[in-house]
Amino acid sequence: MSKPPEIELEAPAAASTPAHIAQLLEKTSRTFALAIPLLPEPTRLQVGIAYLLFRIADTFEDAELWPRALKLDALARFDRLLRQPAPEEAHRDAERWLAEPPCANAGYLELLRETPAVLGAFWQLAEGPRQLIGEHTRRTVEGMTRFVGRSTADGALELADLDDLKAYCYVVAGIVGEMLTELFLFGRKTLAPVRSFLRERSARFGEALQLVNIIKDSLADAGQGRRFLPPGSSLAEMLTLARQDLQVAMRYTLSLQRAGAPRGIVAFVALPVRLAGATLEVIEQRGPGVKLSRPDVSSIVAALDLALDQGMPAV
């Protein structure tokens, strides 16, 4: 949607600066705080703002300290804020959310406090990217609302089967993959030959990363009443499915690289795919709940840099 002419969007205090966006990323994401700075501008700022908007929605959906009613109310309010600029309403909503915090994570709570500034930065984006980000974020919020609506009054949720898991992964991550693809394609004619190939695999790219996270966090999620893995499914079955999705994500990444996408975009996509693959190996060895160590992550980043320097496949 276009900026309403009667609303002033340029007040510096109302929007996050790129440096502020980067600080919020560092406090709310381990992987994307590493990956987003690799992107070229203006895509870096666009994806940074988009990630924070999705992270706000995720915070409401997860909200382990809130019952279902508060989650649904917060998602509805956030959806309204994404539809038109409303700085005063954003400040009131942020105060409301912090008065009864949805979680204990300090980084997520700071992000909620900064919601008005993040929204200010969103509304100052160029119209094309802003429309893409707004449309896809709202689609995710709407999908999250459907899943939260199925939970018990105290917020517990159990997915029914594999199709249900795939539907959930699409809502929280597949749509993100679709949005990222459109931002990569926006204004880049060199990627036109692979446009259809990327779009057809964009949701599976997002699903792959989400499924690895679900497997990794399955024990902690179950302790909070959220059971995303289908009843009766085995760890081996879920690992196989995740590896199949990662194969699709790898083909997606290589198509970007072979089409001559900017190095930063290739690195941004390749890094989480490499991290997800390494995470699956650790889970296979030690079970869910484990995380890659900082030295492991540093080694993966260095190996990716070397591969790109030498013109080797990114994944």
C-alpha atoms as a PDB file:
ATOM      1  CA  MET A   1       0.000   0.000   0.000  1.00  0.00           C
ATOM      2  CA  SER A   2       1.154   3.557  -0.607  1.00  0.00           C
ATOM      3  CA  LYS A   3       2.080   5.924   2.192  1.00  0.00           C
ATOM      4  CA  PRO A   4      -1.015   7.957   3.117  1.00  0.00           C
ATOM      5  CA  PRO A   5      -0.110  11.564   2.251  1.00  0.00           C
ATOM      6  CA  GLU A   6      -1.663  12.949   5.404  1.00  0.00           C
ATOM      7  CA  ILE A   7       0.612  10.908   7.706  1.00  0.00           C
ATOM      8  CA  GLU A   8       4.167  12.052   8.377  1.00  0.00           C
ATOM      9  CA  LEU A   9       6.580   9.119   8.204  1.00  0.00           C
ATOM     10  CA  GLU A  10       9.907  10.909   8.269  1.00  0.00           C
ATOM     11  CA  ALA A  11      10.351  11.752  11.951  1.00  0.00           C
ATOM     12  CA  PRO A  12      13.812  10.331  12.797  1.00  0.00           C
ATOM     13  CA  ALA A  13      12.808   9.349  16.329  1.00  0.00           C
ATOM     14  CA  ALA A  14      10.022   7.122  14.990  1.00  0.00           C
ATOM     15  CA  ALA A  15      12.256   4.708  13.092  1.00  0.00           C
ATOM     16  CA  SER A  16      15.204   2.443  13.762  1.00  0.00           C
ATOM     17  CA  THR A  17      18.501   3.271  12.088  1.00  0.00           C
ATOM     18  CA  PRO A  18      20.397   0.504  10.237  1.00  0.00           C
ATOM     19  CA  ALA A  19      22.769   0.302  13.217  1.00  0.00           C
ATOM     20  CA  HIS A  20      19.825  -0.120  15.593  1.00  0.00           C
ATOM     21  CA  ILE A  21      18.371  -2.841  13.359  1.00  0.00           C
ATOM     22  CA  ALA A  22      21.727  -4.651  13.504  1.00  0.00           C
ATOM     23  CA  GLN A  23      21.816  -4.391  17.305  1.00  0.00           C
ATOM     24  CA  LEU A  24      18.322  -5.854  17.617  1.00  0.00           C
ATOM     25  CA  LEU A  25      19.302  -8.704  15.282  1.00  0.00           C
ATOM     26  CA  GLU A  26      22.272  -9.564  17.481  1.00  0.00           C
ATOM     27  CA  LYS A  27      20.001  -9.757  20.522  1.00  0.00           C
ATOM     28  CA  THR A  28      17.265 -11.852  18.902  1.00  0.00           C
ATOM     29  CA  SER A  29      18.936 -14.243  16.471  1.00  0.00           C
ATOM     30  CA  ARG A  30      22.138 -16.245  16.447  1.00  0.00           C
ATOM     31  CA  THR A  31      22.058 -17.428  12.833  1.00  0.00           C
ATOM     32  CA  PHE A  32      20.539 -14.417  11.119  1.00  0.00           C
ATOM     33  CA  ALA A  33      22.700 -11.954  13.024  1.00  0.00           C
ATOM     34  CA  LEU A  34      25.582 -13.668  11.199  1.00  0.00           C
ATOM     35  CA  ALA A  35      23.850 -14.067   7.836  1.00  0.00           C
ATOM     36  CA  ILE A  36      22.023 -10.760   7.283  1.00  0.00           C
ATOM     37  CA  PRO A  37      25.173  -8.562   7.392  1.00  0.00           C
ATOM     38  CA  LEU A  38      26.472 -10.599   4.426  1.00  0.00           C
ATOM     39  CA  LEU A  39      23.720  -9.222   2.176  1.00  0.00           C
ATOM     40  CA  PRO A  40      24.283  -6.264  -0.151  1.00  0.00           C
ATOM     41  CA  GLU A  41      22.314  -3.095   0.447  1.00  0.00           C
ATOM     42  CA  PRO A  42      19.472  -2.265   0.161  1.00  0.00           C
ATOM     43  CA  THR A  43      18.501  -5.935   0.577  1.00  0.00           C
ATOM     44  CA  ARG A  44      20.377  -6.100   3.897  1.00  0.00           C
ATOM     45  CA  LEU A  45      18.205  -3.436   5.504  1.00  0.00           C
ATOM     46  CA  GLN A  46      15.015  -4.852   3.961  1.00  0.00           C
ATOM     47  CA  VAL A  47      15.707  -8.382   5.228  1.00  0.00           C
ATOM     48  CA  GLY A  48      16.823  -7.075   8.631  1.00  0.00           C
ATOM     49  CA  ILE A  49      13.557  -5.226   9.137  1.00  0.00           C
ATOM     50  CA  ALA A  50      11.567  -8.175   7.799  1.00  0.00           C
ATOM     51  CA  TYR A  51      13.302 -10.588  10.163  1.00  0.00           C
ATOM     52  CA  LEU A  52      12.472  -8.392  13.164  1.00  0.00           C
ATOM     53  CA  LEU A  53       8.821  -8.169  12.117  1.00  0.00           C
ATOM     54  CA  PHE A  54       8.627 -11.956  11.811  1.00  0.00           C
ATOM     55  CA  ARG A  55      10.431 -12.299  15.150  1.00  0.00           C
ATOM     56  CA  ILE A  56       7.794 -10.105  16.815  1.00  0.00           C
ATOM     57  CA  ALA A  57       5.075 -12.359  15.404  1.00  0.00           C
ATOM     58  CA  ASP A  58       7.009 -15.463  16.538  1.00  0.00           C
ATOM     59  CA  THR A  59       7.262 -14.019  20.040  1.00  0.00           C
ATOM     60  CA  PHE A  60       3.477 -13.724  20.217  1.00  0.00           C
ATOM     61  CA  GLU A  61       2.918 -17.193  18.768  1.00  0.00           C
ATOM     62  CA  ASP A  62       5.420 -18.838  21.152  1.00  0.00           C
ATOM     63  CA  ALA A  63       4.598 -16.658  24.216  1.00  0.00           C
ATOM     64  CA  GLU A  64       5.087 -19.388  26.811  1.00  0.00           C
ATOM     65  CA  LEU A  65       3.859 -17.075  29.608  1.00  0.00           C
ATOM     66  CA  TRP A  66       0.603 -16.128  27.873  1.00  0.00           C
ATOM     67  CA  PRO A  67      -2.687 -18.022  27.520  1.00  0.00           C
ATOM     68  CA  ARG A  68      -4.268 -18.446  24.098  1.00  0.00           C
ATOM     69  CA  ALA A  69      -6.449 -15.334  24.434  1.00  0.00           C
ATOM     70  CA  LEU A  70      -3.505 -12.976  24.929  1.00  0.00           C
ATOM     71  CA  LYS A  71      -1.621 -14.537  22.020  1.00  0.00           C
ATOM     72  CA  LEU A  72      -4.575 -14.061  19.697  1.00  0.00           C
ATOM     73  CA  ASP A  73      -5.102 -10.465  20.846  1.00  0.00           C
ATOM     74  CA  ALA A  74      -1.434  -9.577  20.271  1.00  0.00           C
ATOM     75  CA  LEU A  75      -1.405 -11.157  16.795  1.00  0.00           C
ATOM     76  CA  ALA A  76      -4.555  -9.246  15.850  1.00  0.00           C
ATOM     77  CA  ARG A  77      -3.111  -5.956  17.075  1.00  0.00           C
ATOM     78  CA  PHE A  78       0.155  -6.590  15.250  1.00  0.00           C
ATOM     79  CA  ASP A  79      -1.731  -7.362  12.044  1.00  0.00           C
ATOM     80  CA  ARG A  80      -3.425  -3.950  12.290  1.00  0.00           C
ATOM     81  CA  LEU A  81      -0.095  -2.210  12.782  1.00  0.00           C
ATOM     82  CA  LEU A  82       1.213  -3.797   9.574  1.00  0.00           C
ATOM     83  CA  ARG A  83      -1.662  -2.415   7.512  1.00  0.00           C
ATOM     84  CA  GLN A  84      -1.159   1.325   7.995  1.00  0.00           C
ATOM     85  CA  PRO A  85       1.147   3.642   9.959  1.00  0.00           C
ATOM     86  CA  ALA A  86      -0.126   4.134  13.526  1.00  0.00           C
ATOM     87  CA  PRO A  87       2.765   5.313  15.750  1.00  0.00           C
ATOM     88  CA  GLU A  88       0.655   6.149  18.798  1.00  0.00           C
ATOM     89  CA  GLU A  89      -1.189   2.835  18.636  1.00  0.00           C
ATOM     90  CA  ALA A  90       2.142   1.006  18.301  1.00  0.00           C
ATOM     91  CA  HIS A  91       3.457   2.665  21.464  1.00  0.00           C
ATOM     92  CA  ARG A  92       0.290   1.773  23.386  1.00  0.00           C
ATOM     93  CA  ASP A  93       0.432  -1.825  22.194  1.00  0.00           C
ATOM     94  CA  ALA A  94       4.118  -2.164  23.084  1.00  0.00           C
ATOM     95  CA  GLU A  95       3.380  -0.927  26.602  1.00  0.00           C
ATOM     96  CA  ARG A  96       0.484  -3.389  26.860  1.00  0.00           C
ATOM     97  CA  TRP A  97       2.677  -6.331  25.791  1.00  0.00           C
ATOM     98  CA  LEU A  98       5.440  -5.446  28.241  1.00  0.00           C
ATOM     99  CA  ALA A  99       3.053  -4.911  31.163  1.00  0.00           C
ATOM    100  CA  GLU A 100       2.454  -8.666  31.146  1.00  0.00           C
ATOM    101  CA  PRO A 101       5.491 -10.062  29.275  1.00  0.00           C
ATOM    102  CA  PRO A 102       4.933 -13.031  26.959  1.00  0.00           C
ATOM    103  CA  CYS A 103       8.324 -14.584  27.729  1.00  0.00           C
ATOM    104  CA  ALA A 104      11.475 -14.206  29.795  1.00  0.00           C
ATOM    105  CA  ASN A 105      13.882 -13.713  26.884  1.00  0.00           C
ATOM    106  CA  ALA A 106      15.500 -10.294  27.376  1.00  0.00           C
ATOM    107  CA  GLY A 107      16.272  -9.854  23.680  1.00  0.00           C
ATOM    108  CA  TYR A 108      12.709 -10.564  22.602  1.00  0.00           C
ATOM    109  CA  LEU A 109      11.329  -8.214  25.246  1.00  0.00           C
ATOM    110  CA  GLU A 110      13.636  -5.438  24.074  1.00  0.00           C
ATOM    111  CA  LEU A 111      12.412  -6.046  20.524  1.00  0.00           C
ATOM    112  CA  LEU A 112       8.805  -5.678  21.686  1.00  0.00           C
ATOM    113  CA  ARG A 113       9.773  -2.418  23.380  1.00  0.00           C
ATOM    114  CA  GLU A 114      11.238  -1.250  20.059  1.00  0.00           C
ATOM    115  CA  THR A 115       8.236  -2.330  17.984  1.00  0.00           C
ATOM    116  CA  PRO A 116       7.243   1.282  17.165  1.00  0.00           C
ATOM    117  CA  ALA A 117      10.751   2.020  15.875  1.00  0.00           C
ATOM    118  CA  VAL A 118      10.926  -1.162  13.809  1.00  0.00           C
ATOM    119  CA  LEU A 119       7.537  -0.360  12.292  1.00  0.00           C
ATOM    120  CA  GLY A 120       8.760   3.168  11.593  1.00  0.00           C
ATOM    121  CA  ALA A 121      11.716   1.738   9.658  1.00  0.00           C
ATOM    122  CA  PHE A 122       9.352  -0.608   7.804  1.00  0.00           C
ATOM    123  CA  TRP A 123       7.114   2.258   6.657  1.00  0.00           C
ATOM    124  CA  GLN A 124      10.137   4.194   5.397  1.00  0.00           C
ATOM    125  CA  LEU A 125      11.188   1.415   3.012  1.00  0.00           C
ATOM    126  CA  ALA A 126      10.667   1.872  -0.721  1.00  0.00           C
ATOM    127  CA  GLU A 127       7.141   0.946  -1.753  1.00  0.00           C
ATOM    128  CA  GLY A 128       7.947  -2.276  -3.637  1.00  0.00           C
ATOM    129  CA  PRO A 129       9.950  -4.025  -0.897  1.00  0.00           C
ATOM    130  CA  ARG A 130       7.587  -2.644   1.762  1.00  0.00           C
ATOM    131  CA  GLN A 131       4.591  -4.207   0.026  1.00  0.00           C
ATOM    132  CA  LEU A 132       6.379  -7.557  -0.299  1.00  0.00           C
ATOM    133  CA  ILE A 133       7.431  -7.621   3.340  1.00  0.00           C
ATOM    134  CA  GLY A 134       4.067  -6.422   4.616  1.00  0.00           C
ATOM    135  CA  GLU A 135       2.074  -8.917   2.554  1.00  0.00           C
ATOM    136  CA  HIS A 136       4.183 -11.921   3.580  1.00  0.00           C
ATOM    137  CA  THR A 137       4.376 -10.921   7.241  1.00  0.00           C
ATOM    138  CA  ARG A 138       0.593 -10.567   7.405  1.00  0.00           C
ATOM    139  CA  ARG A 139       0.161 -13.979   5.748  1.00  0.00           C
ATOM    140  CA  THR A 140       2.335 -15.501   8.462  1.00  0.00           C
ATOM    141  CA  VAL A 141       0.439 -13.657  11.213  1.00  0.00           C
ATOM    142  CA  GLU A 142      -2.850 -14.945   9.791  1.00  0.00           C
ATOM    143  CA  GLY A 143      -1.501 -18.503   9.646  1.00  0.00           C
ATOM    144  CA  MET A 144      -0.139 -18.284  13.184  1.00  0.00           C
ATOM    145  CA  THR A 145      -3.538 -17.084  14.333  1.00  0.00           C
ATOM    146  CA  ARG A 146      -5.135 -20.234  12.922  1.00  0.00           C
ATOM    147  CA  PHE A 147      -2.681 -22.518  14.734  1.00  0.00           C
ATOM    148  CA  VAL A 148      -2.866 -20.583  18.010  1.00  0.00           C
ATOM    149  CA  GLY A 149      -6.655 -20.742  17.742  1.00  0.00           C
ATOM    150  CA  ARG A 150      -6.396 -24.547  17.776  1.00  0.00           C
ATOM    151  CA  SER A 151      -4.395 -24.589  21.014  1.00  0.00           C
ATOM    152  CA  THR A 152      -5.841 -25.166  24.468  1.00  0.00           C
ATOM    153  CA  ALA A 153      -6.802 -22.206  26.634  1.00  0.00           C
ATOM    154  CA  ASP A 154      -3.403 -22.267  28.342  1.00  0.00           C
ATOM    155  CA  GLY A 155      -1.592 -22.289  24.997  1.00  0.00           C
ATOM    156  CA  ALA A 156      -0.671 -25.968  24.512  1.00  0.00           C
ATOM    157  CA  LEU A 157      -0.633 -27.188  20.904  1.00  0.00           C
ATOM    158  CA  GLU A 158      -0.143 -30.619  19.339  1.00  0.00           C
ATOM    159  CA  LEU A 159       0.080 -31.126  15.591  1.00  0.00           C
ATOM    160  CA  ALA A 160      -1.910 -34.030  14.196  1.00  0.00           C
ATOM    161  CA  ASP A 161       0.224 -35.583  11.465  1.00  0.00           C
ATOM    162  CA  LEU A 162       2.889 -34.998   8.837  1.00  0.00           C
ATOM    163  CA  ASP A 163       0.612 -32.846   6.682  1.00  0.00           C
ATOM    164  CA  ASP A 164      -0.144 -30.713   9.734  1.00  0.00           C
ATOM    165  CA  LEU A 165       3.585 -30.326  10.404  1.00  0.00           C
ATOM    166  CA  LYS A 166       4.213 -29.277   6.813  1.00  0.00           C
ATOM    167  CA  ALA A 167       1.360 -26.760   7.002  1.00  0.00           C
ATOM    168  CA  TYR A 168       2.821 -25.323  10.193  1.00  0.00           C
ATOM    169  CA  CYS A 169       6.323 -25.117   8.702  1.00  0.00           C
ATOM    170  CA  TYR A 170       4.880 -23.313   5.692  1.00  0.00           C
ATOM    171  CA  VAL A 171       3.162 -20.711   7.851  1.00  0.00           C
ATOM    172  CA  VAL A 172       6.181 -19.898  10.028  1.00  0.00           C
ATOM    173  CA  ALA A 173       9.025 -20.444   7.526  1.00  0.00           C
ATOM    174  CA  GLY A 174       7.859 -21.348   4.024  1.00  0.00           C
ATOM    175  CA  ILE A 175       6.292 -17.913   3.634  1.00  0.00           C
ATOM    176  CA  VAL A 176       9.592 -16.406   4.779  1.00  0.00           C
ATOM    177  CA  GLY A 177      11.357 -18.323   2.002  1.00  0.00           C
ATOM    178  CA  GLU A 178       8.865 -16.955  -0.507  1.00  0.00           C
ATOM    179  CA  MET A 179       9.380 -13.398   0.736  1.00  0.00           C
ATOM    180  CA  LEU A 180      13.178 -13.678   0.638  1.00  0.00           C
ATOM    181  CA  THR A 181      13.004 -14.984  -2.921  1.00  0.00           C
ATOM    182  CA  GLU A 182      10.923 -12.014  -4.055  1.00  0.00           C
ATOM    183  CA  LEU A 183      13.352  -9.594  -2.382  1.00  0.00           C
ATOM    184  CA  PHE A 184      16.294 -11.320  -4.097  1.00  0.00           C
ATOM    185  CA  LEU A 185      14.541 -11.098  -7.470  1.00  0.00           C
ATOM    186  CA  PHE A 186      13.411  -7.492  -6.991  1.00  0.00           C
ATOM    187  CA  GLY A 187      15.277  -5.305  -9.495  1.00  0.00           C
ATOM    188  CA  ARG A 188      17.813  -8.041 -10.417  1.00  0.00           C
ATOM    189  CA  LYS A 189      17.350  -8.878 -14.098  1.00  0.00           C
ATOM    190  CA  THR A 190      20.293 -11.289 -14.052  1.00  0.00           C
ATOM    191  CA  LEU A 191      18.196 -13.681 -11.950  1.00  0.00           C
ATOM    192  CA  ALA A 192      15.291 -13.724 -14.419  1.00  0.00           C
ATOM    193  CA  PRO A 193      16.371 -17.058 -15.995  1.00  0.00           C
ATOM    194  CA  VAL A 194      16.042 -18.866 -12.637  1.00  0.00           C
ATOM    195  CA  ARG A 195      13.013 -16.969 -11.354  1.00  0.00           C
ATOM    196  CA  SER A 196      10.592 -19.865 -11.752  1.00  0.00           C
ATOM    197  CA  PHE A 197      13.086 -22.415 -10.379  1.00  0.00           C
ATOM    198  CA  LEU A 198      13.616 -20.321  -7.236  1.00  0.00           C
ATOM    199  CA  ARG A 199       9.939 -19.608  -6.659  1.00  0.00           C
ATOM    200  CA  GLU A 200       9.041 -23.294  -6.970  1.00  0.00           C
ATOM    201  CA  ARG A 201      11.558 -24.191  -4.229  1.00  0.00           C
ATOM    202  CA  SER A 202      11.364 -21.131  -2.006  1.00  0.00           C
ATOM    203  CA  ALA A 203       8.878 -22.590   0.488  1.00  0.00           C
ATOM    204  CA  ARG A 204      10.838 -25.852   0.793  1.00  0.00           C
ATOM    205  CA  PHE A 205      13.966 -23.786   1.493  1.00  0.00           C
ATOM    206  CA  GLY A 206      12.216 -22.202   4.458  1.00  0.00           C
ATOM    207  CA  GLU A 207      10.659 -25.502   5.535  1.00  0.00           C
ATOM    208  CA  ALA A 208      14.081 -27.166   5.649  1.00  0.00           C
ATOM    209  CA  LEU A 209      15.490 -24.672   8.135  1.00  0.00           C
ATOM    210  CA  GLN A 210      12.343 -24.702  10.273  1.00  0.00           C
ATOM    211  CA  LEU A 211      12.158 -28.490  10.421  1.00  0.00           C
ATOM    212  CA  VAL A 212      15.756 -28.705  11.653  1.00  0.00           C
ATOM    213  CA  ASN A 213      14.907 -26.196  14.399  1.00  0.00           C
ATOM    214  CA  ILE A 214      11.771 -28.123  15.362  1.00  0.00           C
ATOM    215  CA  ILE A 215      13.733 -31.362  15.690  1.00  0.00           C
ATOM    216  CA  LYS A 216      16.513 -29.629  17.638  1.00  0.00           C
ATOM    217  CA  ASP A 217      14.082 -27.928  20.042  1.00  0.00           C
ATOM    218  CA  SER A 218      11.523 -30.752  20.284  1.00  0.00           C
ATOM    219  CA  LEU A 219      12.290 -31.613  23.912  1.00  0.00           C
ATOM    220  CA  ALA A 220      12.145 -28.002  25.113  1.00  0.00           C
ATOM    221  CA  ASP A 221       8.968 -27.333  23.109  1.00  0.00           C
ATOM    222  CA  ALA A 222       7.272 -30.414  24.545  1.00  0.00           C
ATOM    223  CA  GLY A 223       8.099 -29.158  28.034  1.00  0.00           C
ATOM    224  CA  GLN A 224       6.127 -26.007  27.204  1.00  0.00           C
ATOM    225  CA  GLY A 225       3.148 -27.921  25.830  1.00  0.00           C
ATOM    226  CA  ARG A 226       4.033 -27.553  22.150  1.00  0.00           C
ATOM    227  CA  ARG A 227       4.370 -30.849  20.292  1.00  0.00           C
ATOM    228  CA  PHE A 228       5.152 -30.187  16.664  1.00  0.00           C
ATOM    229  CA  LEU A 229       6.477 -33.630  15.688  1.00  0.00           C
ATOM    230  CA  PRO A 230       3.635 -35.959  14.599  1.00  0.00           C
ATOM    231  CA  PRO A 231       2.514 -38.529  17.183  1.00  0.00           C
ATOM    232  CA  GLY A 232       4.224 -41.859  16.575  1.00  0.00           C
ATOM    233  CA  SER A 233       6.935 -40.401  14.340  1.00  0.00           C
ATOM    234  CA  SER A 234      10.503 -41.481  14.972  1.00  0.00           C
ATOM    235  CA  LEU A 235      13.576 -39.286  15.118  1.00  0.00           C
ATOM    236  CA  ALA A 236      15.011 -41.193  12.143  1.00  0.00           C
ATOM    237  CA  GLU A 237      11.920 -40.385  10.037  1.00  0.00           C
ATOM    238  CA  MET A 238      12.100 -36.701  10.897  1.00  0.00           C
ATOM    239  CA  LEU A 239      15.824 -36.547  10.147  1.00  0.00           C
ATOM    240  CA  THR A 240      15.203 -38.152   6.754  1.00  0.00           C
ATOM    241  CA  LEU A 241      12.500 -35.612   5.936  1.00  0.00           C
ATOM    242  CA  ALA A 242      14.757 -32.743   7.016  1.00  0.00           C
ATOM    243  CA  ARG A 243      17.588 -34.031   4.834  1.00  0.00           C
ATOM    244  CA  GLN A 244      15.247 -34.239   1.845  1.00  0.00           C
ATOM    245  CA  ASP A 245      14.218 -30.626   2.394  1.00  0.00           C
ATOM    246  CA  LEU A 246      17.859 -29.577   2.782  1.00  0.00           C
ATOM    247  CA  GLN A 247      18.628 -31.147  -0.596  1.00  0.00           C
ATOM    248  CA  VAL A 248      16.007 -28.830  -2.092  1.00  0.00           C
ATOM    249  CA  ALA A 249      17.503 -25.888  -0.182  1.00  0.00           C
ATOM    250  CA  MET A 250      20.927 -26.763  -1.576  1.00  0.00           C
ATOM    251  CA  ARG A 251      19.616 -26.801  -5.156  1.00  0.00           C
ATOM    252  CA  TYR A 252      17.943 -23.440  -4.478  1.00  0.00           C
ATOM    253  CA  THR A 253      21.266 -22.033  -3.233  1.00  0.00           C
ATOM    254  CA  LEU A 254      23.295 -23.381  -6.141  1.00  0.00           C
ATOM    255  CA  SER A 255      20.818 -21.981  -8.661  1.00  0.00           C
ATOM    256  CA  LEU A 256      21.343 -18.515  -7.193  1.00  0.00           C
ATOM    257  CA  GLN A 257      25.099 -18.951  -7.345  1.00  0.00           C
ATOM    258  CA  ARG A 258      25.141 -20.240 -10.931  1.00  0.00           C
ATOM    259  CA  ALA A 259      22.838 -17.441 -12.079  1.00  0.00           C
ATOM    260  CA  GLY A 260      25.349 -14.853 -10.874  1.00  0.00           C
ATOM    261  CA  ALA A 261      23.523 -13.600  -7.795  1.00  0.00           C
ATOM    262  CA  PRO A 262      25.595 -11.177  -5.690  1.00  0.00           C
ATOM    263  CA  ARG A 263      28.061 -12.992  -3.442  1.00  0.00           C
ATOM    264  CA  GLY A 264      26.317 -11.619  -0.349  1.00  0.00           C
ATOM    265  CA  ILE A 265      22.980 -13.171  -1.328  1.00  0.00           C
ATOM    266  CA  VAL A 266      24.614 -16.534  -2.038  1.00  0.00           C
ATOM    267  CA  ALA A 267      26.450 -16.408   1.300  1.00  0.00           C
ATOM    268  CA  PHE A 268      23.281 -15.377   3.153  1.00  0.00           C
ATOM    269  CA  VAL A 269      21.387 -18.382   1.798  1.00  0.00           C
ATOM    270  CA  ALA A 270      24.265 -20.864   2.024  1.00  0.00           C
ATOM    271  CA  LEU A 271      25.238 -20.161   5.639  1.00  0.00           C
ATOM    272  CA  PRO A 272      21.978 -21.305   7.316  1.00  0.00           C
ATOM    273  CA  VAL A 273      21.860 -24.326   4.971  1.00  0.00           C
ATOM    274  CA  ARG A 274      25.368 -25.332   6.043  1.00  0.00           C
ATOM    275  CA  LEU A 275      24.527 -24.710   9.702  1.00  0.00           C
ATOM    276  CA  ALA A 276      21.339 -26.768   9.406  1.00  0.00           C
ATOM    277  CA  GLY A 277      23.222 -29.675   7.846  1.00  0.00           C
ATOM    278  CA  ALA A 278      25.823 -29.607  10.606  1.00  0.00           C
ATOM    279  CA  THR A 279      23.064 -29.411  13.231  1.00  0.00           C
ATOM    280  CA  LEU A 280      21.422 -32.543  11.833  1.00  0.00           C
ATOM    281  CA  GLU A 281      24.727 -34.408  12.137  1.00  0.00           C
ATOM    282  CA  VAL A 282      25.042 -33.384  15.793  1.00  0.00           C
ATOM    283  CA  ILE A 283      21.431 -34.390  16.498  1.00  0.00           C
ATOM    284  CA  GLU A 284      22.065 -37.791  14.914  1.00  0.00           C
ATOM    285  CA  GLN A 285      25.034 -38.297  17.209  1.00  0.00           C
ATOM    286  CA  ARG A 286      23.703 -36.829  20.448  1.00  0.00           C
ATOM    287  CA  GLY A 287      19.953 -36.406  20.086  1.00  0.00           C
ATOM    288  CA  PRO A 288      17.644 -33.344  20.149  1.00  0.00           C
ATOM    289  CA  GLY A 289      18.485 -30.393  22.353  1.00  0.00           C
ATOM    290  CA  VAL A 290      22.093 -29.938  21.263  1.00  0.00           C
ATOM    291  CA  LYS A 291      23.454 -26.837  19.587  1.00  0.00           C
ATOM    292  CA  LEU A 292      26.506 -26.157  17.483  1.00  0.00           C
ATOM    293  CA  SER A 293      29.373 -24.699  19.474  1.00  0.00           C
ATOM    294  CA  ARG A 294      30.774 -21.279  18.645  1.00  0.00           C
ATOM    295  CA  PRO A 295      33.990 -22.848  17.275  1.00  0.00           C
ATOM    296  CA  ASP A 296      31.838 -25.095  15.054  1.00  0.00           C
ATOM    297  CA  VAL A 297      29.941 -22.080  13.719  1.00  0.00           C
ATOM    298  CA  SER A 298      33.174 -20.155  13.135  1.00  0.00           C
ATOM    299  CA  SER A 299      34.603 -23.094  11.184  1.00  0.00           C
ATOM    300  CA  ILE A 300      31.479 -23.286   9.008  1.00  0.00           C
ATOM    301  CA  VAL A 301      31.621 -19.537   8.285  1.00  0.00           C
ATOM    302  CA  ALA A 302      35.318 -19.805   7.369  1.00  0.00           C
ATOM    303  CA  ALA A 303      34.699 -22.810   5.104  1.00  0.00           C
ATOM    304  CA  LEU A 304      31.915 -20.933   3.283  1.00  0.00           C
ATOM    305  CA  ASP A 305      34.144 -17.883   2.770  1.00  0.00           C
ATOM    306  CA  LEU A 306      36.881 -20.094   1.359  1.00  0.00           C
ATOM    307  CA  ALA A 307      34.489 -21.872  -1.007  1.00  0.00           C
ATOM    308  CA  LEU A 308      33.174 -18.562  -2.350  1.00  0.00           C
ATOM    309  CA  ASP A 309      36.692 -17.128  -2.663  1.00  0.00           C
ATOM    310  CA  GLN A 310      37.750 -20.148  -4.731  1.00  0.00           C
ATOM    311  CA  GLY A 311      34.606 -20.191  -6.881  1.00  0.00           C
ATOM    312  CA  MET A 312      33.517 -23.524  -5.443  1.00  0.00           C
ATOM    313  CA  PRO A 313      29.871 -24.536  -4.799  1.00  0.00           C
ATOM    314  CA  ALA A 314      28.478 -22.662  -1.806  1.00  0.00           C
ATOM    315  CA  VAL A 315      26.856 -25.804  -0.359  1.00  0.00           C
END
